[in-house]
Amino acid sequence: MTDAATRAAEVLREHRESIDRLDAILVYTLGERFKHTQAVGKLKAEHDLPPSDPAREAQQIARLEDLAQRADLDPEFAKKFLNFIIAEVIQHHEKQQG
């Protein structure tokens, strides 16, 4: 390999190692988040509260869009991601109440 190709391969490896670490952080963060949402679901079920809270969800989506803009992340992607998580959480809460 040429020096440029060797350096490019090294940089690529470094980027991939960073991506792998960040993927692990995302998975553990989501795991922790779902522990809390499961506790919320249990609390809602015990007190006969609705499984979803549209006002809170709208507030969270707006908050995440703002965070995404500040993080130079596509706000539409962030919104889709949070909507996916919210749908999953609501599904879990509905199961806990059923």
N, C-alpha and C. Protein backbone atom coordinates (compact mmCIF):
# COMPACT_ATOMS: atom_id res chain seq x y z
N MET A 1 0.84 -1.19 0.00
CA MET A 1 0.00 0.00 0.00
C MET A 1 0.88 1.25 0.00
N THR A 2 0.32 2.28 -0.58
CA THR A 2 1.05 3.55 -0.54
C THR A 2 0.88 4.16 0.84
N ASP A 3 1.69 5.16 1.12
CA ASP A 3 1.58 5.85 2.41
C ASP A 3 0.20 6.47 2.59
N ALA A 4 -0.36 7.05 1.52
CA ALA A 4 -1.69 7.67 1.59
C ALA A 4 -2.76 6.61 1.85
N ALA A 5 -2.65 5.48 1.19
CA ALA A 5 -3.63 4.40 1.38
C ALA A 5 -3.50 3.81 2.78
N THR A 6 -2.28 3.68 3.27
CA THR A 6 -2.07 3.16 4.62
C THR A 6 -2.67 4.11 5.65
N ARG A 7 -2.44 5.38 5.46
CA ARG A 7 -3.00 6.39 6.38
C ARG A 7 -4.52 6.39 6.31
N ALA A 8 -5.07 6.28 5.11
CA ALA A 8 -6.53 6.25 4.95
C ALA A 8 -7.11 5.02 5.66
N ALA A 9 -6.45 3.88 5.55
CA ALA A 9 -6.92 2.67 6.22
C ALA A 9 -6.88 2.85 7.74
N GLU A 10 -5.87 3.51 8.24
CA GLU A 10 -5.74 3.77 9.67
C GLU A 10 -6.86 4.71 10.15
N VAL A 11 -7.11 5.76 9.40
CA VAL A 11 -8.17 6.70 9.75
C VAL A 11 -9.53 6.01 9.71
N LEU A 12 -9.75 5.18 8.71
CA LEU A 12 -10.99 4.43 8.60
C LEU A 12 -11.18 3.52 9.82
N ARG A 13 -10.13 2.84 10.22
CA ARG A 13 -10.18 1.97 11.39
C ARG A 13 -10.52 2.77 12.64
N GLU A 14 -9.92 3.94 12.80
CA GLU A 14 -10.20 4.80 13.96
C GLU A 14 -11.66 5.26 13.98
N HIS A 15 -12.17 5.64 12.81
CA HIS A 15 -13.58 6.05 12.73
C HIS A 15 -14.49 4.88 13.10
N ARG A 16 -14.19 3.71 12.60
CA ARG A 16 -15.02 2.54 12.88
C ARG A 16 -14.97 2.16 14.36
N GLU A 17 -13.82 2.30 14.97
CA GLU A 17 -13.72 2.03 16.41
C GLU A 17 -14.58 3.02 17.19
N SER A 18 -14.57 4.28 16.80
CA SER A 18 -15.41 5.29 17.45
C SER A 18 -16.89 4.97 17.24
N ILE A 19 -17.25 4.60 16.03
CA ILE A 19 -18.64 4.23 15.75
C ILE A 19 -19.06 3.05 16.62
N ASP A 20 -18.21 2.05 16.74
CA ASP A 20 -18.54 0.88 17.57
C ASP A 20 -18.75 1.28 19.03
N ARG A 21 -17.90 2.17 19.56
CA ARG A 21 -18.07 2.64 20.94
C ARG A 21 -19.37 3.41 21.09
N LEU A 22 -19.67 4.27 20.13
CA LEU A 22 -20.91 5.04 20.18
C LEU A 22 -22.14 4.15 20.06
N ASP A 23 -22.07 3.11 19.24
CA ASP A 23 -23.19 2.17 19.15
C ASP A 23 -23.43 1.50 20.50
N ALA A 24 -22.37 1.14 21.19
CA ALA A 24 -22.51 0.53 22.51
C ALA A 24 -23.14 1.51 23.49
N ILE A 25 -22.72 2.77 23.43
CA ILE A 25 -23.30 3.80 24.30
C ILE A 25 -24.79 3.94 24.01
N LEU A 26 -25.17 3.96 22.74
CA LEU A 26 -26.58 4.08 22.37
C LEU A 26 -27.40 2.92 22.92
N VAL A 27 -26.90 1.71 22.77
CA VAL A 27 -27.63 0.53 23.24
C VAL A 27 -27.80 0.56 24.75
N TYR A 28 -26.73 0.85 25.48
CA TYR A 28 -26.83 0.91 26.95
C TYR A 28 -27.72 2.07 27.39
N THR A 29 -27.65 3.19 26.68
CA THR A 29 -28.50 4.34 27.00
C THR A 29 -29.97 4.01 26.78
N LEU A 30 -30.27 3.36 25.66
CA LEU A 30 -31.65 2.95 25.40
C LEU A 30 -32.12 1.94 26.45
N GLY A 31 -31.25 1.03 26.84
CA GLY A 31 -31.60 0.07 27.89
C GLY A 31 -31.96 0.79 29.18
N GLU A 32 -31.18 1.76 29.56
CA GLU A 32 -31.45 2.53 30.78
C GLU A 32 -32.74 3.33 30.64
N ARG A 33 -32.96 3.91 29.48
CA ARG A 33 -34.17 4.69 29.24
C ARG A 33 -35.40 3.80 29.38
N PHE A 34 -35.35 2.59 28.79
CA PHE A 34 -36.49 1.70 28.86
C PHE A 34 -36.72 1.16 30.27
N LYS A 35 -35.70 1.07 31.09
CA LYS A 35 -35.92 0.70 32.50
C LYS A 35 -36.81 1.74 33.17
N HIS A 36 -36.55 3.01 32.87
CA HIS A 36 -37.35 4.08 33.47
C HIS A 36 -38.76 4.11 32.89
N THR A 37 -38.88 3.91 31.57
CA THR A 37 -40.22 3.93 30.99
C THR A 37 -41.04 2.73 31.46
N GLN A 38 -40.39 1.61 31.74
CA GLN A 38 -41.12 0.46 32.30
C GLN A 38 -41.65 0.81 33.69
N ALA A 39 -40.83 1.50 34.47
CA ALA A 39 -41.27 1.92 35.81
C ALA A 39 -42.44 2.91 35.70
N VAL A 40 -42.37 3.80 34.73
CA VAL A 40 -43.47 4.74 34.50
C VAL A 40 -44.73 3.98 34.11
N GLY A 41 -44.59 3.00 33.25
CA GLY A 41 -45.73 2.18 32.84
C GLY A 41 -46.36 1.46 34.00
N LYS A 42 -45.54 0.93 34.88
CA LYS A 42 -46.05 0.24 36.07
C LYS A 42 -46.82 1.21 36.96
N LEU A 43 -46.25 2.38 37.16
CA LEU A 43 -46.90 3.41 37.97
C LEU A 43 -48.23 3.83 37.35
N LYS A 44 -48.25 4.01 36.04
CA LYS A 44 -49.49 4.38 35.35
C LYS A 44 -50.54 3.27 35.50
N ALA A 45 -50.12 2.03 35.36
CA ALA A 45 -51.06 0.91 35.50
C ALA A 45 -51.62 0.83 36.91
N GLU A 46 -50.77 1.03 37.91
CA GLU A 46 -51.20 0.96 39.31
C GLU A 46 -52.20 2.07 39.65
N HIS A 47 -52.11 3.19 38.96
CA HIS A 47 -52.96 4.35 39.28
C HIS A 47 -53.98 4.64 38.18
N ASP A 48 -54.16 3.66 37.29
CA ASP A 48 -55.15 3.75 36.22
C ASP A 48 -55.00 5.03 35.39
N LEU A 49 -53.76 5.35 35.07
CA LEU A 49 -53.47 6.51 34.22
C LEU A 49 -53.35 6.04 32.77
N PRO A 50 -53.66 6.90 31.81
CA PRO A 50 -53.58 6.49 30.40
C PRO A 50 -52.14 6.13 30.00
N PRO A 51 -52.00 5.17 29.08
CA PRO A 51 -50.66 4.74 28.67
C PRO A 51 -49.89 5.80 27.90
N SER A 52 -50.59 6.74 27.28
CA SER A 52 -49.88 7.79 26.55
C SER A 52 -50.24 9.15 27.12
N ASP A 53 -49.35 10.10 26.89
CA ASP A 53 -49.53 11.48 27.36
C ASP A 53 -49.17 12.38 26.18
N PRO A 54 -50.16 12.66 25.30
CA PRO A 54 -49.86 13.42 24.08
C PRO A 54 -49.18 14.77 24.33
N ALA A 55 -49.55 15.46 25.39
CA ALA A 55 -48.91 16.76 25.67
C ALA A 55 -47.43 16.57 25.98
N ARG A 56 -47.10 15.59 26.80
CA ARG A 56 -45.70 15.31 27.13
C ARG A 56 -44.94 14.88 25.88
N GLU A 57 -45.58 14.03 25.07
CA GLU A 57 -44.92 13.54 23.86
C GLU A 57 -44.60 14.70 22.91
N ALA A 58 -45.55 15.62 22.73
CA ALA A 58 -45.32 16.78 21.86
C ALA A 58 -44.19 17.65 22.41
N GLN A 59 -44.18 17.81 23.73
CA GLN A 59 -43.13 18.60 24.39
C GLN A 59 -41.76 17.95 24.17
N GLN A 60 -41.70 16.63 24.30
CA GLN A 60 -40.44 15.92 24.13
C GLN A 60 -39.96 15.98 22.68
N ILE A 61 -40.88 15.88 21.74
CA ILE A 61 -40.50 15.96 20.33
C ILE A 61 -39.92 17.33 20.03
N ALA A 62 -40.57 18.38 20.50
CA ALA A 62 -40.06 19.74 20.28
C ALA A 62 -38.68 19.91 20.93
N ARG A 63 -38.52 19.38 22.13
CA ARG A 63 -37.24 19.46 22.84
C ARG A 63 -36.15 18.73 22.06
N LEU A 64 -36.48 17.54 21.57
CA LEU A 64 -35.49 16.75 20.83
C LEU A 64 -35.13 17.41 19.50
N GLU A 65 -36.11 18.01 18.84
CA GLU A 65 -35.81 18.73 17.59
C GLU A 65 -34.83 19.87 17.86
N ASP A 66 -35.04 20.59 18.96
CA ASP A 66 -34.12 21.67 19.32
C ASP A 66 -32.73 21.13 19.62
N LEU A 67 -32.66 20.06 20.40
CA LEU A 67 -31.37 19.44 20.69
C LEU A 67 -30.68 18.98 19.41
N ALA A 68 -31.45 18.39 18.51
CA ALA A 68 -30.88 17.91 17.25
C ALA A 68 -30.28 19.05 16.45
N GLN A 69 -30.99 20.16 16.37
CA GLN A 69 -30.46 21.31 15.63
C GLN A 69 -29.15 21.78 16.25
N ARG A 70 -29.10 21.82 17.58
CA ARG A 70 -27.87 22.27 18.24
C ARG A 70 -26.74 21.27 18.07
N ALA A 71 -27.09 20.00 17.88
CA ALA A 71 -26.08 18.95 17.71
C ALA A 71 -25.73 18.72 16.24
N ASP A 72 -26.28 19.55 15.36
CA ASP A 72 -26.05 19.42 13.92
C ASP A 72 -26.52 18.06 13.42
N LEU A 73 -27.70 17.63 13.92
CA LEU A 73 -28.34 16.39 13.50
C LEU A 73 -29.66 16.77 12.84
N ASP A 74 -30.01 16.09 11.79
CA ASP A 74 -31.26 16.37 11.08
C ASP A 74 -32.44 16.26 12.06
N PRO A 75 -33.16 17.36 12.32
CA PRO A 75 -34.28 17.33 13.26
C PRO A 75 -35.37 16.36 12.85
N GLU A 76 -35.58 16.15 11.55
CA GLU A 76 -36.60 15.19 11.11
C GLU A 76 -36.19 13.77 11.50
N PHE A 77 -34.92 13.46 11.38
CA PHE A 77 -34.43 12.15 11.81
C PHE A 77 -34.65 11.99 13.31
N ALA A 78 -34.30 13.01 14.07
CA ALA A 78 -34.48 12.95 15.53
C ALA A 78 -35.95 12.76 15.89
N LYS A 79 -36.83 13.45 15.18
CA LYS A 79 -38.27 13.33 15.43
C LYS A 79 -38.75 11.91 15.12
N LYS A 80 -38.33 11.36 14.00
CA LYS A 80 -38.72 9.98 13.65
C LYS A 80 -38.20 9.00 14.69
N PHE A 81 -36.98 9.20 15.14
CA PHE A 81 -36.38 8.32 16.13
C PHE A 81 -37.17 8.37 17.43
N LEU A 82 -37.49 9.57 17.90
CA LEU A 82 -38.24 9.69 19.14
C LEU A 82 -39.66 9.14 18.99
N ASN A 83 -40.29 9.38 17.85
CA ASN A 83 -41.62 8.82 17.62
C ASN A 83 -41.60 7.30 17.67
N PHE A 84 -40.55 6.69 17.14
CA PHE A 84 -40.40 5.24 17.21
C PHE A 84 -40.30 4.77 18.66
N ILE A 85 -39.48 5.46 19.44
CA ILE A 85 -39.31 5.11 20.86
C ILE A 85 -40.62 5.30 21.61
N ILE A 86 -41.30 6.42 21.37
CA ILE A 86 -42.57 6.69 22.05
C ILE A 86 -43.59 5.59 21.73
N ALA A 87 -43.68 5.20 20.48
CA ALA A 87 -44.62 4.14 20.09
C ALA A 87 -44.30 2.84 20.83
N GLU A 88 -43.04 2.53 20.96
CA GLU A 88 -42.63 1.31 21.67
C GLU A 88 -42.99 1.41 23.15
N VAL A 89 -42.75 2.56 23.74
CA VAL A 89 -43.06 2.77 25.16
C VAL A 89 -44.57 2.64 25.40
N ILE A 90 -45.36 3.27 24.54
CA ILE A 90 -46.82 3.20 24.69
C ILE A 90 -47.29 1.76 24.58
N GLN A 91 -46.72 1.02 23.64
CA GLN A 91 -47.07 -0.40 23.50
C GLN A 91 -46.77 -1.16 24.79
N HIS A 92 -45.63 -0.91 25.39
CA HIS A 92 -45.28 -1.56 26.66
C HIS A 92 -46.27 -1.16 27.76
N HIS A 93 -46.63 0.13 27.81
CA HIS A 93 -47.55 0.60 28.84
C HIS A 93 -48.92 -0.03 28.64
N GLU A 94 -49.37 -0.17 27.42
CA GLU A 94 -50.66 -0.80 27.16
C GLU A 94 -50.65 -2.26 27.61
N LYS A 95 -49.55 -2.96 27.38
CA LYS A 95 -49.43 -4.36 27.84
C LYS A 95 -49.48 -4.43 29.36
N GLN A 96 -48.86 -3.48 30.03
CA GLN A 96 -48.84 -3.48 31.49
C GLN A 96 -50.24 -3.23 32.06
N GLN A 97 -51.06 -2.52 31.31
CA GLN A 97 -52.41 -2.22 31.79
C GLN A 97 -53.40 -3.33 31.43
N GLY A 98 -53.03 -4.14 30.45
CA GLY A 98 -53.94 -5.16 29.94
C GLY A 98 -53.97 -6.36 30.80
